[in-house]
Protein backbone atom coordinates (compact mmCIF):
# COMPACT_ATOMS: atom_id res chain seq x y z
CA MET A 1 111.34 -10.60 36.68
CA ILE A 2 109.48 -7.37 37.44
CA LYS A 3 105.79 -8.21 37.00
CA ASN A 4 104.49 -4.83 35.84
CA LYS A 5 107.34 -4.28 33.41
CA SER A 6 107.06 -7.79 31.98
CA GLY A 7 103.32 -7.33 31.39
CA VAL A 8 103.88 -4.10 29.47
CA TRP A 9 106.66 -5.73 27.47
CA GLY A 10 104.39 -8.70 26.68
CA GLU A 11 101.70 -6.36 25.39
CA LEU A 12 104.22 -4.53 23.20
CA CYS A 13 105.44 -7.85 21.75
CA THR A 14 101.84 -8.87 21.09
CA ALA A 15 100.98 -5.57 19.39
CA ARG A 16 104.00 -5.93 17.11
CA TYR A 17 103.02 -9.54 16.35
CA LEU A 18 99.49 -8.44 15.43
CA ARG A 19 100.60 -5.53 13.24
CA ASP A 20 103.04 -7.79 11.40
CA ARG A 21 100.08 -10.04 10.55
CA GLY A 22 97.82 -7.32 9.22
CA TYR A 23 95.84 -6.45 12.33
CA ARG A 24 95.00 -2.83 13.01
CA ILE A 25 95.32 -1.89 16.68
CA ILE A 26 92.25 0.08 17.76
CA THR A 27 93.32 0.66 21.36
CA SER A 28 95.26 -0.88 24.20
CA GLY A 29 94.60 -0.82 27.91
CA TYR A 30 90.86 -0.21 27.53
CA SER A 31 89.44 0.05 31.01
CA CYS A 32 85.90 0.36 32.33
CA ARG A 33 84.07 -0.52 35.53
CA PHE A 34 83.84 -4.17 34.46
CA GLY A 35 87.54 -4.73 33.79
CA GLU A 36 90.29 -4.17 31.29
CA ILE A 37 91.05 -5.35 27.79
CA ASP A 38 94.73 -5.45 26.96
CA ILE A 39 94.42 -4.95 23.19
CA VAL A 40 91.49 -4.30 20.88
CA ALA A 41 92.40 -4.94 17.25
CA MET A 42 90.69 -5.31 13.89
CA LYS A 43 91.48 -8.12 11.46
CA GLY A 44 89.40 -7.81 8.31
CA ASP A 45 85.85 -7.28 9.57
CA THR A 46 86.47 -8.97 12.94
CA LEU A 47 86.94 -7.05 16.16
CA CYS A 48 89.43 -8.95 18.33
CA PHE A 49 89.61 -8.58 22.09
CA VAL A 50 93.06 -9.79 23.10
CA GLU A 51 94.10 -10.83 26.59
CA VAL A 52 97.89 -10.94 26.98
CA LYS A 53 99.46 -13.18 29.60
CA THR A 54 103.20 -12.85 30.10
CA ARG A 55 105.37 -15.25 32.08
CA ASP A 56 109.01 -15.93 32.79
CA GLU A 57 110.42 -18.65 30.56
CA GLN A 58 111.12 -20.72 33.68
CA THR A 59 107.43 -20.86 34.65
CA SER A 60 106.02 -24.35 34.38
CA SER A 61 102.34 -23.43 33.92
CA ARG A 62 100.90 -22.04 30.71
CA PRO A 63 99.88 -18.39 30.79
CA MET A 64 96.47 -19.32 29.30
CA GLU A 65 95.63 -21.09 32.56
CA ALA A 66 95.26 -17.67 34.22
CA VAL A 67 92.34 -16.84 31.93
CA ASP A 68 89.74 -18.72 33.95
CA SER A 69 85.95 -18.41 33.65
CA GLU A 70 85.84 -15.42 36.02
CA LYS A 71 88.47 -13.55 33.98
CA GLN A 72 86.67 -14.46 30.75
CA GLU A 73 83.41 -13.01 32.07
CA LYS A 74 85.14 -9.75 33.03
CA ILE A 75 86.63 -9.51 29.55
CA ARG A 76 83.23 -10.20 27.93
CA LEU A 77 81.58 -7.46 30.00
CA ALA A 78 84.38 -5.00 29.20
CA ALA A 79 84.04 -5.90 25.51
CA GLU A 80 80.30 -5.15 25.63
CA SER A 81 81.14 -1.79 27.18
CA PHE A 82 83.71 -1.07 24.47
CA ILE A 83 81.27 -2.01 21.70
CA SER A 84 78.57 0.19 23.21
CA TYR A 85 80.98 3.10 23.56
CA SER A 86 82.62 2.72 20.13
CA LYS A 87 79.43 1.79 18.26
CA LEU A 88 81.40 -0.77 16.23
CA ARG A 89 79.08 -3.56 15.12
CA ASN A 90 81.54 -6.06 13.72
CA ASN A 91 81.98 -9.77 14.23
CA THR A 92 83.86 -10.29 17.48
CA ARG A 93 86.18 -12.87 18.94
CA PHE A 94 88.22 -13.32 22.09
CA ASP A 95 91.89 -14.20 21.70
CA VAL A 96 94.67 -14.89 24.17
CA CYS A 97 98.35 -14.28 23.57
CA GLU A 98 100.79 -16.25 25.70
CA VAL A 99 104.17 -14.55 25.97
CA TRP A 100 107.27 -15.99 27.59
CA LEU A 101 110.21 -13.73 28.38
CA GLY A 102 113.76 -14.68 29.21
CA LYS A 103 116.63 -12.79 30.72
CA ASP A 104 116.52 -9.01 30.20
CA PHE A 105 112.93 -9.32 28.93
CA ALA A 106 113.98 -11.02 25.70
CA LEU A 107 111.05 -12.64 23.91
CA THR A 108 111.49 -16.41 24.16
CA LYS A 109 108.16 -17.63 22.81
CA LEU A 110 104.81 -16.22 21.73
CA ASN A 111 101.69 -18.33 21.23
CA TYR A 112 98.64 -16.58 19.77
CA ILE A 113 95.32 -18.37 20.31
CA GLU A 114 92.39 -17.19 18.18
CA ASN A 115 88.89 -17.84 19.55
CA ALA A 116 90.40 -18.84 22.88
CA PHE A 117 87.02 -18.59 24.59
């Protein structure tokens, strides 16, 4: 599976999943000197910072395992930057979406974890 293409596809699947559940996508691919946030979305009055991890369906490890403490800290710092820049003062949470893709990038499974860290 082509890594870059699968990551983009995983983010598109996640965005569709979120919109179908009433989330409003604020931005995707937010980048600053601290790191990147895959998706920033609003659900009610909560600002959600979403990390998307996409894997091949044959992978034995869970995608969430890649979101270690170092990655979490980078996401937190990027979120602080986003909040400062956007001036949004909402409740916040950090979510992770695990996406598994099969042959031809077909979505096999999606697991959305609210308050993942």
